[in-house]
Amino acid sequence: MLNRLHEHCHEVLAFMEGSPAIFDNNQAERDIRMVKVKQKISGVFRSAKGADMFCRIRSYILTARKNSCSAFTAISAALEGHSIVP
């Protein structure tokens, strides 16, 4: 492993050189956490359609948050037929 890290040190340390690379994947883990919590509490999604709807709504809300918009504003805009997400 040490040899591999030495050979690819530029790729491994890209986040330190001012590039937009991030050090970890915590955001991705946080994004899927709610789905796993929902599945754990409920035991299972009742249908594939219900799981699909949950994932679409959750994805829309997370995208809105990443674009500095509150969940309430995003849902209100969606129900009025206006997308706030570019």
PDB file of N, CA and C in Angstrom:
ATOM      1  N   MET A   1       0.829  -1.182   0.000  1.00  0.00           N
ATOM      2  CA  MET A   1       0.000   0.000   0.000  1.00  0.00           C
ATOM      3  C   MET A   1       0.878   1.252   0.000  1.00  0.00           C
ATOM      4  N   LEU A   2       1.945   1.204   0.748  1.00  0.00           N
ATOM      5  CA  LEU A   2       2.836   2.354   0.812  1.00  0.00           C
ATOM      6  C   LEU A   2       3.438   2.661  -0.555  1.00  0.00           C
ATOM      7  N   ASN A   3       3.809   1.624  -1.290  1.00  0.00           N
ATOM      8  CA  ASN A   3       4.343   1.827  -2.639  1.00  0.00           C
ATOM      9  C   ASN A   3       3.306   2.474  -3.547  1.00  0.00           C
ATOM     10  N   ARG A   4       2.075   2.002  -3.448  1.00  0.00           N
ATOM     11  CA  ARG A   4       0.997   2.557  -4.276  1.00  0.00           C
ATOM     12  C   ARG A   4       0.744   4.029  -3.927  1.00  0.00           C
ATOM     13  N   LEU A   5       0.736   4.358  -2.646  1.00  0.00           N
ATOM     14  CA  LEU A   5       0.548   5.745  -2.232  1.00  0.00           C
ATOM     15  C   LEU A   5       1.694   6.622  -2.736  1.00  0.00           C
ATOM     16  N   HIS A   6       2.900   6.084  -2.692  1.00  0.00           N
ATOM     17  CA  HIS A   6       4.051   6.849  -3.186  1.00  0.00           C
ATOM     18  C   HIS A   6       3.965   7.073  -4.694  1.00  0.00           C
ATOM     19  N   GLU A   7       3.571   6.047  -5.442  1.00  0.00           N
ATOM     20  CA  GLU A   7       3.463   6.149  -6.907  1.00  0.00           C
ATOM     21  C   GLU A   7       2.365   7.116  -7.333  1.00  0.00           C
ATOM     22  N   HIS A   8       1.301   7.202  -6.544  1.00  0.00           N
ATOM     23  CA  HIS A   8       0.141   8.032  -6.902  1.00  0.00           C
ATOM     24  C   HIS A   8      -0.047   9.183  -5.921  1.00  0.00           C
ATOM     25  N   CYS A   9       1.052   9.741  -5.431  1.00  0.00           N
ATOM     26  CA  CYS A   9       0.941  10.777  -4.408  1.00  0.00           C
ATOM     27  C   CYS A   9       0.214  12.020  -4.921  1.00  0.00           C
ATOM     28  N   HIS A  10       0.333  12.360  -6.199  1.00  0.00           N
ATOM     29  CA  HIS A  10      -0.361  13.543  -6.725  1.00  0.00           C
ATOM     30  C   HIS A  10      -1.880  13.345  -6.704  1.00  0.00           C
ATOM     31  N   GLU A  11      -2.332  12.140  -7.024  1.00  0.00           N
ATOM     32  CA  GLU A  11      -3.767  11.862  -7.003  1.00  0.00           C
ATOM     33  C   GLU A  11      -4.294  11.783  -5.572  1.00  0.00           C
ATOM     34  N   VAL A  12      -3.514  11.163  -4.694  1.00  0.00           N
ATOM     35  CA  VAL A  12      -3.949  10.991  -3.302  1.00  0.00           C
ATOM     36  C   VAL A  12      -4.042  12.334  -2.585  1.00  0.00           C
ATOM     37  N   LEU A  13      -3.118  13.228  -2.873  1.00  0.00           N
ATOM     38  CA  LEU A  13      -3.070  14.517  -2.178  1.00  0.00           C
ATOM     39  C   LEU A  13      -3.632  15.667  -3.010  1.00  0.00           C
ATOM     40  N   ALA A  14      -4.465  15.366  -3.987  1.00  0.00           N
ATOM     41  CA  ALA A  14      -5.025  16.398  -4.860  1.00  0.00           C
ATOM     42  C   ALA A  14      -5.820  17.437  -4.073  1.00  0.00           C
ATOM     43  N   PHE A  15      -6.466  17.035  -2.989  1.00  0.00           N
ATOM     44  CA  PHE A  15      -7.280  17.975  -2.209  1.00  0.00           C
ATOM     45  C   PHE A  15      -6.425  19.036  -1.524  1.00  0.00           C
ATOM     46  N   MET A  16      -5.129  18.784  -1.342  1.00  0.00           N
ATOM     47  CA  MET A  16      -4.243  19.745  -0.678  1.00  0.00           C
ATOM     48  C   MET A  16      -3.674  20.775  -1.643  1.00  0.00           C
ATOM     49  N   GLU A  17      -3.792  20.541  -2.932  1.00  0.00           N
ATOM     50  CA  GLU A  17      -3.190  21.428  -3.924  1.00  0.00           C
ATOM     51  C   GLU A  17      -4.165  22.474  -4.456  1.00  0.00           C
ATOM     52  N   GLY A  18      -5.261  22.674  -3.779  1.00  0.00           N
ATOM     53  CA  GLY A  18      -6.208  23.700  -4.180  1.00  0.00           C
ATOM     54  C   GLY A  18      -7.187  23.255  -5.257  1.00  0.00           C
ATOM     55  N   SER A  19      -7.205  21.980  -5.581  1.00  0.00           N
ATOM     56  CA  SER A  19      -8.161  21.499  -6.581  1.00  0.00           C
ATOM     57  C   SER A  19      -9.518  21.303  -5.915  1.00  0.00           C
ATOM     58  N   PRO A  20     -10.579  21.205  -6.705  1.00  0.00           N
ATOM     59  CA  PRO A  20     -11.906  21.031  -6.110  1.00  0.00           C
ATOM     60  C   PRO A  20     -12.154  19.620  -5.566  1.00  0.00           C
ATOM     61  N   ALA A  21     -11.151  18.765  -5.583  1.00  0.00           N
ATOM     62  CA  ALA A  21     -11.313  17.408  -5.056  1.00  0.00           C
ATOM     63  C   ALA A  21     -11.563  17.476  -3.554  1.00  0.00           C
ATOM     64  N   ILE A  22     -12.430  16.613  -3.071  1.00  0.00           N
ATOM     65  CA  ILE A  22     -12.726  16.585  -1.643  1.00  0.00           C
ATOM     66  C   ILE A  22     -11.992  15.421  -0.987  1.00  0.00           C
ATOM     67  N   PHE A  23     -11.730  15.545   0.290  1.00  0.00           N
ATOM     68  CA  PHE A  23     -10.946  14.556   1.011  1.00  0.00           C
ATOM     69  C   PHE A  23     -11.736  13.280   1.290  1.00  0.00           C
ATOM     70  N   ASP A  24     -13.005  13.406   1.555  1.00  0.00           N
ATOM     71  CA  ASP A  24     -13.797  12.227   1.914  1.00  0.00           C
ATOM     72  C   ASP A  24     -15.107  12.200   1.156  1.00  0.00           C
ATOM     73  N   ASN A  25     -15.877  11.161   1.390  1.00  0.00           N
ATOM     74  CA  ASN A  25     -17.175  11.030   0.730  1.00  0.00           C
ATOM     75  C   ASN A  25     -18.316  11.143   1.740  1.00  0.00           C
ATOM     76  N   ASN A  26     -18.131  11.932   2.790  1.00  0.00           N
ATOM     77  CA  ASN A  26     -19.147  12.064   3.827  1.00  0.00           C
ATOM     78  C   ASN A  26     -20.472  12.597   3.289  1.00  0.00           C
ATOM     79  N   GLN A  27     -20.433  13.507   2.309  1.00  0.00           N
ATOM     80  CA  GLN A  27     -21.676  14.050   1.763  1.00  0.00           C
ATOM     81  C   GLN A  27     -22.501  12.946   1.112  1.00  0.00           C
ATOM     82  N   ALA A  28     -21.855  12.074   0.377  1.00  0.00           N
ATOM     83  CA  ALA A  28     -22.567  10.956  -0.250  1.00  0.00           C
ATOM     84  C   ALA A  28     -23.155  10.036   0.813  1.00  0.00           C
ATOM     85  N   GLU A  29     -22.414   9.798   1.869  1.00  0.00           N
ATOM     86  CA  GLU A  29     -22.917   8.951   2.947  1.00  0.00           C
ATOM     87  C   GLU A  29     -24.092   9.607   3.655  1.00  0.00           C
ATOM     88  N   ARG A  30     -24.034  10.921   3.865  1.00  0.00           N
ATOM     89  CA  ARG A  30     -25.157  11.626   4.493  1.00  0.00           C
ATOM     90  C   ARG A  30     -26.390  11.604   3.594  1.00  0.00           C
ATOM     91  N   ASP A  31     -26.176  11.668   2.284  1.00  0.00           N
ATOM     92  CA  ASP A  31     -27.303  11.676   1.351  1.00  0.00           C
ATOM     93  C   ASP A  31     -28.078  10.365   1.369  1.00  0.00           C
ATOM     94  N   ILE A  32     -27.394   9.245   1.541  1.00  0.00           N
ATOM     95  CA  ILE A  32     -28.118   7.968   1.527  1.00  0.00           C
ATOM     96  C   ILE A  32     -28.553   7.521   2.919  1.00  0.00           C
ATOM     97  N   ARG A  33     -28.084   8.209   3.957  1.00  0.00           N
ATOM     98  CA  ARG A  33     -28.411   7.799   5.323  1.00  0.00           C
ATOM     99  C   ARG A  33     -29.915   7.803   5.594  1.00  0.00           C
ATOM    100  N   MET A  34     -30.626   8.845   5.154  1.00  0.00           N
ATOM    101  CA  MET A  34     -32.065   8.930   5.419  1.00  0.00           C
ATOM    102  C   MET A  34     -32.817   7.771   4.780  1.00  0.00           C
ATOM    103  N   VAL A  35     -32.407   7.341   3.625  1.00  0.00           N
ATOM    104  CA  VAL A  35     -33.059   6.205   2.965  1.00  0.00           C
ATOM    105  C   VAL A  35     -32.884   4.950   3.809  1.00  0.00           C
ATOM    106  N   LYS A  36     -31.683   4.740   4.326  1.00  0.00           N
ATOM    107  CA  LYS A  36     -31.428   3.565   5.153  1.00  0.00           C
ATOM    108  C   LYS A  36     -32.180   3.646   6.479  1.00  0.00           C
ATOM    109  N   VAL A  37     -32.262   4.846   7.064  1.00  0.00           N
ATOM    110  CA  VAL A  37     -33.014   5.013   8.313  1.00  0.00           C
ATOM    111  C   VAL A  37     -34.490   4.720   8.073  1.00  0.00           C
ATOM    112  N   LYS A  38     -35.046   5.245   6.991  1.00  0.00           N
ATOM    113  CA  LYS A  38     -36.454   4.999   6.641  1.00  0.00           C
ATOM    114  C   LYS A  38     -36.698   3.506   6.455  1.00  0.00           C
ATOM    115  N   GLN A  39     -35.780   2.851   5.751  1.00  0.00           N
ATOM    116  CA  GLN A  39     -35.914   1.418   5.515  1.00  0.00           C
ATOM    117  C   GLN A  39     -35.806   0.631   6.822  1.00  0.00           C
ATOM    118  N   LYS A  40     -34.920   1.064   7.707  1.00  0.00           N
ATOM    119  CA  LYS A  40     -34.738   0.376   8.979  1.00  0.00           C
ATOM    120  C   LYS A  40     -35.953   0.536   9.881  1.00  0.00           C
ATOM    121  N   ILE A  41     -36.513   1.744   9.953  1.00  0.00           N
ATOM    122  CA  ILE A  41     -37.665   2.003  10.817  1.00  0.00           C
ATOM    123  C   ILE A  41     -38.902   1.273  10.297  1.00  0.00           C
ATOM    124  N   SER A  42     -39.148   1.391   8.998  1.00  0.00           N
ATOM    125  CA  SER A  42     -40.332   0.780   8.405  1.00  0.00           C
ATOM    126  C   SER A  42     -40.144  -0.705   8.151  1.00  0.00           C
ATOM    127  N   GLY A  43     -38.912  -1.141   8.091  1.00  0.00           N
ATOM    128  CA  GLY A  43     -38.638  -2.533   7.773  1.00  0.00           C
ATOM    129  C   GLY A  43     -38.432  -2.731   6.290  1.00  0.00           C
ATOM    130  N   VAL A  44     -39.262  -2.068   5.517  1.00  0.00           N
ATOM    131  CA  VAL A  44     -39.172  -2.192   4.061  1.00  0.00           C
ATOM    132  C   VAL A  44     -40.089  -1.149   3.437  1.00  0.00           C
ATOM    133  N   PHE A  45     -39.786  -0.737   2.227  1.00  0.00           N
ATOM    134  CA  PHE A  45     -40.732   0.099   1.503  1.00  0.00           C
ATOM    135  C   PHE A  45     -41.862  -0.812   1.029  1.00  0.00           C
ATOM    136  N   ARG A  46     -43.091  -0.354   1.078  1.00  0.00           N
ATOM    137  CA  ARG A  46     -44.238  -1.200   0.740  1.00  0.00           C
ATOM    138  C   ARG A  46     -44.315  -1.552  -0.737  1.00  0.00           C
ATOM    139  N   SER A  47     -43.782  -0.680  -1.580  1.00  0.00           N
ATOM    140  CA  SER A  47     -43.785  -0.965  -3.013  1.00  0.00           C
ATOM    141  C   SER A  47     -42.593  -0.283  -3.667  1.00  0.00           C
ATOM    142  N   ALA A  48     -42.271  -0.728  -4.856  1.00  0.00           N
ATOM    143  CA  ALA A  48     -41.182  -0.108  -5.606  1.00  0.00           C
ATOM    144  C   ALA A  48     -41.553   1.326  -5.970  1.00  0.00           C
ATOM    145  N   LYS A  49     -42.845   1.565  -6.239  1.00  0.00           N
ATOM    146  CA  LYS A  49     -43.298   2.908  -6.579  1.00  0.00           C
ATOM    147  C   LYS A  49     -43.130   3.849  -5.384  1.00  0.00           C
ATOM    148  N   GLY A  50     -43.454   3.367  -4.188  1.00  0.00           N
ATOM    149  CA  GLY A  50     -43.288   4.172  -2.982  1.00  0.00           C
ATOM    150  C   GLY A  50     -41.823   4.502  -2.719  1.00  0.00           C
ATOM    151  N   ALA A  51     -40.947   3.541  -2.922  1.00  0.00           N
ATOM    152  CA  ALA A  51     -39.515   3.769  -2.748  1.00  0.00           C
ATOM    153  C   ALA A  51     -39.012   4.777  -3.768  1.00  0.00           C
ATOM    154  N   ASP A  52     -39.498   4.657  -5.005  1.00  0.00           N
ATOM    155  CA  ASP A  52     -39.099   5.590  -6.059  1.00  0.00           C
ATOM    156  C   ASP A  52     -39.555   7.008  -5.727  1.00  0.00           C
ATOM    157  N   MET A  53     -40.785   7.165  -5.263  1.00  0.00           N
ATOM    158  CA  MET A  53     -41.293   8.494  -4.906  1.00  0.00           C
ATOM    159  C   MET A  53     -40.499   9.084  -3.745  1.00  0.00           C
ATOM    160  N   PHE A  54     -40.202   8.275  -2.724  1.00  0.00           N
ATOM    161  CA  PHE A  54     -39.416   8.745  -1.582  1.00  0.00           C
ATOM    162  C   PHE A  54     -38.047   9.234  -2.047  1.00  0.00           C
ATOM    163  N   CYS A  55     -37.395   8.449  -2.910  1.00  0.00           N
ATOM    164  CA  CYS A  55     -36.054   8.809  -3.387  1.00  0.00           C
ATOM    165  C   CYS A  55     -36.086  10.078  -4.240  1.00  0.00           C
ATOM    166  N   ARG A  56     -37.113  10.244  -5.055  1.00  0.00           N
ATOM    167  CA  ARG A  56     -37.220  11.451  -5.881  1.00  0.00           C
ATOM    168  C   ARG A  56     -37.414  12.694  -5.032  1.00  0.00           C
ATOM    169  N   ILE A  57     -38.296  12.604  -4.039  1.00  0.00           N
ATOM    170  CA  ILE A  57     -38.552  13.747  -3.164  1.00  0.00           C
ATOM    171  C   ILE A  57     -37.307  14.070  -2.354  1.00  0.00           C
ATOM    172  N   ARG A  58     -36.682  13.055  -1.807  1.00  0.00           N
ATOM    173  CA  ARG A  58     -35.470  13.254  -0.999  1.00  0.00           C
ATOM    174  C   ARG A  58     -34.347  13.876  -1.836  1.00  0.00           C
ATOM    175  N   SER A  59     -34.197  13.399  -3.058  1.00  0.00           N
ATOM    176  CA  SER A  59     -33.177  13.926  -3.959  1.00  0.00           C
ATOM    177  C   SER A  59     -33.428  15.396  -4.277  1.00  0.00           C
ATOM    178  N   TYR A  60     -34.691  15.744  -4.519  1.00  0.00           N
ATOM    179  CA  TYR A  60     -35.055  17.128  -4.819  1.00  0.00           C
ATOM    180  C   TYR A  60     -34.735  18.047  -3.640  1.00  0.00           C
ATOM    181  N   ILE A  61     -35.070  17.599  -2.438  1.00  0.00           N
ATOM    182  CA  ILE A  61     -34.811  18.397  -1.241  1.00  0.00           C
ATOM    183  C   ILE A  61     -33.309  18.568  -1.007  1.00  0.00           C
ATOM    184  N   LEU A  62     -32.545  17.494  -1.171  1.00  0.00           N
ATOM    185  CA  LEU A  62     -31.098  17.598  -0.972  1.00  0.00           C
ATOM    186  C   LEU A  62     -30.453  18.509  -2.008  1.00  0.00           C
ATOM    187  N   THR A  63     -30.926  18.439  -3.245  1.00  0.00           N
ATOM    188  CA  THR A  63     -30.395  19.311  -4.286  1.00  0.00           C
ATOM    189  C   THR A  63     -30.729  20.763  -3.978  1.00  0.00           C
ATOM    190  N   ALA A  64     -31.942  21.006  -3.490  1.00  0.00           N
ATOM    191  CA  ALA A  64     -32.331  22.369  -3.120  1.00  0.00           C
ATOM    192  C   ALA A  64     -31.443  22.900  -1.999  1.00  0.00           C
ATOM    193  N   ARG A  65     -31.177  22.075  -0.989  1.00  0.00           N
ATOM    194  CA  ARG A  65     -30.314  22.487   0.119  1.00  0.00           C
ATOM    195  C   ARG A  65     -28.911  22.816  -0.366  1.00  0.00           C
ATOM    196  N   LYS A  66     -28.405  22.013  -1.290  1.00  0.00           N
ATOM    197  CA  LYS A  66     -27.061  22.258  -1.814  1.00  0.00           C
ATOM    198  C   LYS A  66     -27.007  23.548  -2.617  1.00  0.00           C
ATOM    199  N   ASN A  67     -28.169  24.024  -3.082  1.00  0.00           N
ATOM    200  CA  ASN A  67     -28.257  25.287  -3.806  1.00  0.00           C
ATOM    201  C   ASN A  67     -28.769  26.407  -2.912  1.00  0.00           C
ATOM    202  N   SER A  68     -28.589  26.273  -1.600  1.00  0.00           N
ATOM    203  CA  SER A  68     -28.940  27.284  -0.593  1.00  0.00           C
ATOM    204  C   SER A  68     -30.420  27.642  -0.585  1.00  0.00           C
ATOM    205  N   CYS A  69     -31.267  26.661  -0.683  1.00  0.00           N
ATOM    206  CA  CYS A  69     -32.713  26.866  -0.635  1.00  0.00           C
ATOM    207  C   CYS A  69     -33.291  25.953   0.439  1.00  0.00           C
ATOM    208  N   SER A  70     -34.238  26.457   1.217  1.00  0.00           N
ATOM    209  CA  SER A  70     -34.822  25.628   2.272  1.00  0.00           C
ATOM    210  C   SER A  70     -35.726  24.554   1.675  1.00  0.00           C
ATOM    211  N   ALA A  71     -35.919  23.483   2.421  1.00  0.00           N
ATOM    212  CA  ALA A  71     -36.765  22.386   1.970  1.00  0.00           C
ATOM    213  C   ALA A  71     -38.207  22.857   1.778  1.00  0.00           C
ATOM    214  N   PHE A  72     -38.686  23.688   2.696  1.00  0.00           N
ATOM    215  CA  PHE A  72     -40.058  24.188   2.608  1.00  0.00           C
ATOM    216  C   PHE A  72     -40.269  25.011   1.337  1.00  0.00           C
ATOM    217  N   THR A  73     -39.318  25.900   1.040  1.00  0.00           N
ATOM    218  CA  THR A  73     -39.416  26.720  -0.162  1.00  0.00           C
ATOM    219  C   THR A  73     -39.378  25.854  -1.413  1.00  0.00           C
ATOM    220  N   ALA A  74     -38.528  24.847  -1.428  1.00  0.00           N
ATOM    221  CA  ALA A  74     -38.398  23.961  -2.583  1.00  0.00           C
ATOM    222  C   ALA A  74     -39.687  23.176  -2.817  1.00  0.00           C
ATOM    223  N   ILE A  75     -40.266  22.643  -1.749  1.00  0.00           N
ATOM    224  CA  ILE A  75     -41.500  21.858  -1.889  1.00  0.00           C
ATOM    225  C   ILE A  75     -42.651  22.763  -2.297  1.00  0.00           C
ATOM    226  N   SER A  76     -42.744  23.940  -1.696  1.00  0.00           N
ATOM    227  CA  SER A  76     -43.799  24.888  -2.067  1.00  0.00           C
ATOM    228  C   SER A  76     -43.713  25.258  -3.542  1.00  0.00           C
ATOM    229  N   ALA A  77     -42.502  25.538  -4.005  1.00  0.00           N
ATOM    230  CA  ALA A  77     -42.311  25.895  -5.413  1.00  0.00           C
ATOM    231  C   ALA A  77     -42.676  24.729  -6.327  1.00  0.00           C
ATOM    232  N   ALA A  78     -42.312  23.518  -5.930  1.00  0.00           N
ATOM    233  CA  ALA A  78     -42.628  22.339  -6.745  1.00  0.00           C
ATOM    234  C   ALA A  78     -44.135  22.123  -6.840  1.00  0.00           C
ATOM    235  N   LEU A  79     -44.849  22.319  -5.734  1.00  0.00           N
ATOM    236  CA  LEU A  79     -46.289  22.138  -5.747  1.00  0.00           C
ATOM    237  C   LEU A  79     -47.002  23.215  -6.580  1.00  0.00           C
ATOM    238  N   GLU A  80     -46.371  24.385  -6.713  1.00  0.00           N
ATOM    239  CA  GLU A  80     -46.917  25.450  -7.543  1.00  0.00           C
ATOM    240  C   GLU A  80     -46.498  25.310  -9.001  1.00  0.00           C
ATOM    241  N   GLY A  81     -45.651  24.308  -9.278  1.00  0.00           N
ATOM    242  CA  GLY A  81     -45.234  24.073 -10.647  1.00  0.00           C
ATOM    243  C   GLY A  81     -43.979  24.818 -11.070  1.00  0.00           C
ATOM    244  N   HIS A  82     -43.248  25.368 -10.096  1.00  0.00           N
ATOM    245  CA  HIS A  82     -42.012  26.098 -10.385  1.00  0.00           C
ATOM    246  C   HIS A  82     -40.834  25.338  -9.790  1.00  0.00           C
ATOM    247  N   SER A  83     -39.878  25.022 -10.616  1.00  0.00           N
ATOM    248  CA  SER A  83     -38.679  24.359 -10.135  1.00  0.00           C
ATOM    249  C   SER A  83     -37.687  25.400  -9.671  1.00  0.00           C
ATOM    250  N   ILE A  84     -37.174  25.256  -8.472  1.00  0.00           N
ATOM    251  CA  ILE A  84     -36.185  26.198  -7.958  1.00  0.00           C
ATOM    252  C   ILE A  84     -34.768  25.686  -8.194  1.00  0.00           C
ATOM    253  N   VAL A  85     -34.653  24.446  -8.600  1.00  0.00           N
ATOM    254  CA  VAL A  85     -33.346  23.847  -8.829  1.00  0.00           C
ATOM    255  C   VAL A  85     -32.960  24.021 -10.291  1.00  0.00           C
ATOM    256  N   PRO A  86     -31.762  24.574 -10.533  1.00  0.00           N
ATOM    257  CA  PRO A  86     -31.351  24.802 -11.930  1.00  0.00           C
ATOM    258  C   PRO A  86     -31.158  23.510 -12.698  1.00  0.00           C
TER     259      PRO A  86
END
